[in-house]
C-alpha cells in the first residue's frame, strides 16, 4: 500500500510543478514536473520488486 501512496505522491508533485511552472513561466519547474511524471509512470508500470 505504501508503494501506491508514493506513486500517487509523485503524480501530485508533478501536477503541482506543472501548475507552478505554467503560472510563473518557469521552465525549470516544468522540467521538474516532467521528471516527477516520468517517475510516476515508471513506478506504475514496473512490477513488484522480487526481493520484497
Foldseek 3Di string as FASTA:
>chain_A
DVLVVVLVVLLVQLVVLCVVCVVVVPPVSNVSSVVSVVVSVCSVPDDDDPVD
